[in-house]
Every structure is written in structure tokens, then in C-alpha cells.
Amino acid sequence: MKIGDMRKQISIQQEQPTPDGAGGYALAWVTLATVWADIMPVSGRETFAAAHLEGRVTHKITLRWRGDVAITSDMRVLYNTRAFNIHAVMNNDESDHFITILAEEGGPL
């Protein structure tokens, strides 16, 4: 992977409780980091669920190693108006140079 291939600015987000002003809390997506990445579609499929057709597209998202943010599967990637649910995170070659995220597009914004 060349750094020049990372042309898409993404946000890495995590769901966190935020005060709702009434003594309780609501869950909201909070941006942990904004970075440059490469997003490549890997596969797609259509399924019939709940009486309608749903499309599922998986992607491979590659970014530079981040030592300050431990990316996990309970986070998501936001690119423009598209949300990607993270399924797996890999440290390429265990060399701390690049991270590959396997994610599925979809979910609430």
C-alpha cells in the first residue's frame, strides 16, 4: 500500500453515553479520530428479509497504524454520508505500519 492511495478522509467513531439533560443518558456516536484511508469494496450480496430485499456490501478499509486509538469491532467508520460497521481489524504483517479494517456498509447515521 502506498500512502498516495489513501485519498478518502474517514472518521473512526465509537458509541458513548452522553447526558440527556434529564438525569439520564442517550447513546451517541463520538469521533475518536479523523484520518486518510483507502476504501475498496470486497463483495456484495442481496438477501430477502422482513418482506423486502436488502443489499449488503463488505469493504476493506486501509489506513496508517494508529497507536493512539485501539480500533475494535464495536466502533464504526464514517465516510461522507456512509456508515461502515466494523467486523475485524488487522495489523498488516504485525509491523505497525498499516491497519486493515473489514467492514460492512449500512447502519444508522
C-alpha atoms as a PDB file:
ATOM      1  CA  MET A   1       0.000   0.000   0.000  1.00  0.00           C
ATOM      2  CA  LYS A   2       1.267   3.440  -0.933  1.00  0.00           C
ATOM      3  CA  ILE A   3       0.382   6.477   1.140  1.00  0.00           C
ATOM      4  CA  GLY A   4      -0.864   8.185  -2.050  1.00  0.00           C
ATOM      5  CA  ASP A   5      -3.622   5.550  -2.341  1.00  0.00           C
ATOM      6  CA  MET A   6      -5.218   6.865   0.862  1.00  0.00           C
ATOM      7  CA  ARG A   7      -7.371   9.643  -0.587  1.00  0.00           C
ATOM      8  CA  LYS A   8     -10.555   9.321   1.428  1.00  0.00           C
ATOM      9  CA  GLN A   9     -10.940  11.115   4.736  1.00  0.00           C
ATOM     10  CA  ILE A  10     -12.782   8.934   7.249  1.00  0.00           C
ATOM     11  CA  SER A  11     -13.840   9.246  10.865  1.00  0.00           C
ATOM     12  CA  ILE A  12     -13.417   6.449  13.381  1.00  0.00           C
ATOM     13  CA  GLN A  13     -16.339   6.602  15.794  1.00  0.00           C
ATOM     14  CA  GLN A  14     -17.408   4.906  18.990  1.00  0.00           C
ATOM     15  CA  GLU A  15     -20.824   4.881  20.626  1.00  0.00           C
ATOM     16  CA  GLN A  16     -20.705   6.535  24.041  1.00  0.00           C
ATOM     17  CA  PRO A  17     -23.305   7.588  26.605  1.00  0.00           C
ATOM     18  CA  THR A  18     -23.968  11.346  26.658  1.00  0.00           C
ATOM     19  CA  PRO A  19     -26.071  13.181  29.257  1.00  0.00           C
ATOM     20  CA  ASP A  20     -29.628  13.876  28.082  1.00  0.00           C
ATOM     21  CA  GLY A  21     -30.225  16.794  30.474  1.00  0.00           C
ATOM     22  CA  ALA A  22     -32.862  14.917  32.466  1.00  0.00           C
ATOM     23  CA  GLY A  23     -30.542  12.872  34.660  1.00  0.00           C
ATOM     24  CA  GLY A  24     -30.232  10.013  32.204  1.00  0.00           C
ATOM     25  CA  TYR A  25     -28.170   9.448  29.123  1.00  0.00           C
ATOM     26  CA  ALA A  26     -28.514   8.716  25.442  1.00  0.00           C
ATOM     27  CA  LEU A  27     -26.097   6.830  23.221  1.00  0.00           C
ATOM     28  CA  ALA A  28     -24.360   8.945  20.572  1.00  0.00           C
ATOM     29  CA  TRP A  29     -21.534   8.337  18.087  1.00  0.00           C
ATOM     30  CA  VAL A  30     -18.377  10.250  19.053  1.00  0.00           C
ATOM     31  CA  THR A  31     -15.481  10.765  16.630  1.00  0.00           C
ATOM     32  CA  LEU A  32     -12.195   9.436  18.057  1.00  0.00           C
ATOM     33  CA  ALA A  33     -10.002  10.219  15.041  1.00  0.00           C
ATOM     34  CA  THR A  34     -10.221  11.579  11.504  1.00  0.00           C
ATOM     35  CA  VAL A  35      -7.683  10.006   9.135  1.00  0.00           C
ATOM     36  CA  TRP A  36      -6.904   9.375   5.464  1.00  0.00           C
ATOM     37  CA  ALA A  37      -7.711   5.883   4.179  1.00  0.00           C
ATOM     38  CA  ASP A  38      -8.309   3.702   1.134  1.00  0.00           C
ATOM     39  CA  ILE A  39     -11.742   2.082   0.822  1.00  0.00           C
ATOM     40  CA  MET A  40     -12.167  -0.886  -1.519  1.00  0.00           C
ATOM     41  CA  PRO A  41     -15.364  -2.932  -1.993  1.00  0.00           C
ATOM     42  CA  VAL A  42     -14.732  -6.644  -1.446  1.00  0.00           C
ATOM     43  CA  SER A  43     -18.063  -8.366  -2.008  1.00  0.00           C
ATOM     44  CA  GLY A  44     -21.780  -7.793  -2.183  1.00  0.00           C
ATOM     45  CA  ARG A  45     -24.929  -9.844  -1.800  1.00  0.00           C
ATOM     46  CA  GLU A  46     -28.665  -9.420  -1.681  1.00  0.00           C
ATOM     47  CA  THR A  47     -30.871 -11.069   0.900  1.00  0.00           C
ATOM     48  CA  PHE A  48     -34.625 -11.216   1.317  1.00  0.00           C
ATOM     49  CA  ALA A  49     -35.537 -10.336   4.893  1.00  0.00           C
ATOM     50  CA  ALA A  50     -38.659  -8.998   6.568  1.00  0.00           C
ATOM     51  CA  ALA A  51     -40.550  -8.986   3.249  1.00  0.00           C
ATOM     52  CA  HIS A  52     -38.060  -6.787   1.425  1.00  0.00           C
ATOM     53  CA  LEU A  53     -34.777  -7.113  -0.454  1.00  0.00           C
ATOM     54  CA  GLU A  54     -31.624  -5.922   1.354  1.00  0.00           C
ATOM     55  CA  GLY A  55     -28.240  -5.327  -0.197  1.00  0.00           C
ATOM     56  CA  ARG A  56     -25.071  -5.979   1.803  1.00  0.00           C
ATOM     57  CA  VAL A  57     -21.663  -4.745   0.701  1.00  0.00           C
ATOM     58  CA  THR A  58     -18.428  -5.501   2.518  1.00  0.00           C
ATOM     59  CA  HIS A  59     -15.366  -3.296   2.262  1.00  0.00           C
ATOM     60  CA  LYS A  60     -11.669  -3.352   3.073  1.00  0.00           C
ATOM     61  CA  ILE A  61     -10.524  -0.078   4.629  1.00  0.00           C
ATOM     62  CA  THR A  62      -6.768   0.505   4.905  1.00  0.00           C
ATOM     63  CA  LEU A  63      -5.189   3.277   6.978  1.00  0.00           C
ATOM     64  CA  ARG A  64      -1.883   4.050   8.621  1.00  0.00           C
ATOM     65  CA  TRP A  65      -1.164   2.488  12.001  1.00  0.00           C
ATOM     66  CA  ARG A  66      -2.667   4.414  14.910  1.00  0.00           C
ATOM     67  CA  GLY A  67      -1.072   3.871  18.298  1.00  0.00           C
ATOM     68  CA  ASP A  68      -3.403   6.345  19.992  1.00  0.00           C
ATOM     69  CA  VAL A  69      -6.706   4.684  19.012  1.00  0.00           C
ATOM     70  CA  ALA A  70      -7.327   0.971  19.542  1.00  0.00           C
ATOM     71  CA  ILE A  71      -9.876   0.229  16.822  1.00  0.00           C
ATOM     72  CA  THR A  72     -12.339  -2.532  17.781  1.00  0.00           C
ATOM     73  CA  SER A  73     -15.439  -4.175  16.333  1.00  0.00           C
ATOM     74  CA  ASP A  74     -17.794  -2.089  18.496  1.00  0.00           C
ATOM     75  CA  MET A  75     -16.778   1.019  16.548  1.00  0.00           C
ATOM     76  CA  ARG A  76     -17.711   2.245  13.081  1.00  0.00           C
ATOM     77  CA  VAL A  77     -16.156   4.135  10.189  1.00  0.00           C
ATOM     78  CA  LEU A  78     -17.933   7.143   8.744  1.00  0.00           C
ATOM     79  CA  TYR A  79     -17.110   8.296   5.197  1.00  0.00           C
ATOM     80  CA  ASN A  80     -19.152  11.247   3.936  1.00  0.00           C
ATOM     81  CA  THR A  81     -22.742  10.083   4.486  1.00  0.00           C
ATOM     82  CA  ARG A  82     -21.895   6.358   4.582  1.00  0.00           C
ATOM     83  CA  ALA A  83     -21.506   4.318   7.772  1.00  0.00           C
ATOM     84  CA  PHE A  84     -19.442   1.103   7.915  1.00  0.00           C
ATOM     85  CA  ASN A  85     -19.878  -1.372  10.789  1.00  0.00           C
ATOM     86  CA  ILE A  86     -16.504  -2.856  11.717  1.00  0.00           C
ATOM     87  CA  HIS A  87     -16.271  -6.668  11.774  1.00  0.00           C
ATOM     88  CA  ALA A  88     -12.491  -7.210  12.042  1.00  0.00           C
ATOM     89  CA  VAL A  89      -9.297  -5.189  12.486  1.00  0.00           C
ATOM     90  CA  MET A  90      -5.888  -6.466  11.364  1.00  0.00           C
ATOM     91  CA  ASN A  91      -2.378  -5.103  11.869  1.00  0.00           C
ATOM     92  CA  ASN A  92      -0.855  -5.819   8.438  1.00  0.00           C
ATOM     93  CA  ASP A  93       2.239  -8.058   8.802  1.00  0.00           C
ATOM     94  CA  GLU A  94       2.189  -7.239  12.549  1.00  0.00           C
ATOM     95  CA  SER A  95       4.562  -4.398  11.610  1.00  0.00           C
ATOM     96  CA  ASP A  96       2.620  -1.395  12.992  1.00  0.00           C
ATOM     97  CA  HIS A  97       2.631   0.348   9.596  1.00  0.00           C
ATOM     98  CA  PHE A  98      -0.891  -0.209   8.248  1.00  0.00           C
ATOM     99  CA  ILE A  99      -4.244  -1.363   9.625  1.00  0.00           C
ATOM    100  CA  THR A 100      -6.855  -3.159   7.535  1.00  0.00           C
ATOM    101  CA  ILE A 101     -10.467  -2.962   8.657  1.00  0.00           C
ATOM    102  CA  LEU A 102     -13.071  -5.368   7.294  1.00  0.00           C
ATOM    103  CA  ALA A 103     -16.434  -3.635   7.473  1.00  0.00           C
ATOM    104  CA  GLU A 104     -19.984  -3.849   6.180  1.00  0.00           C
ATOM    105  CA  GLU A 105     -21.732  -0.786   4.827  1.00  0.00           C
ATOM    106  CA  GLY A 106     -25.002   0.109   6.459  1.00  0.00           C
ATOM    107  CA  GLY A 107     -26.448   1.115   9.746  1.00  0.00           C
ATOM    108  CA  PRO A 108     -27.813   4.321  11.233  1.00  0.00           C
ATOM    109  CA  LEU A 109     -26.014   7.619  10.855  1.00  0.00           C
END
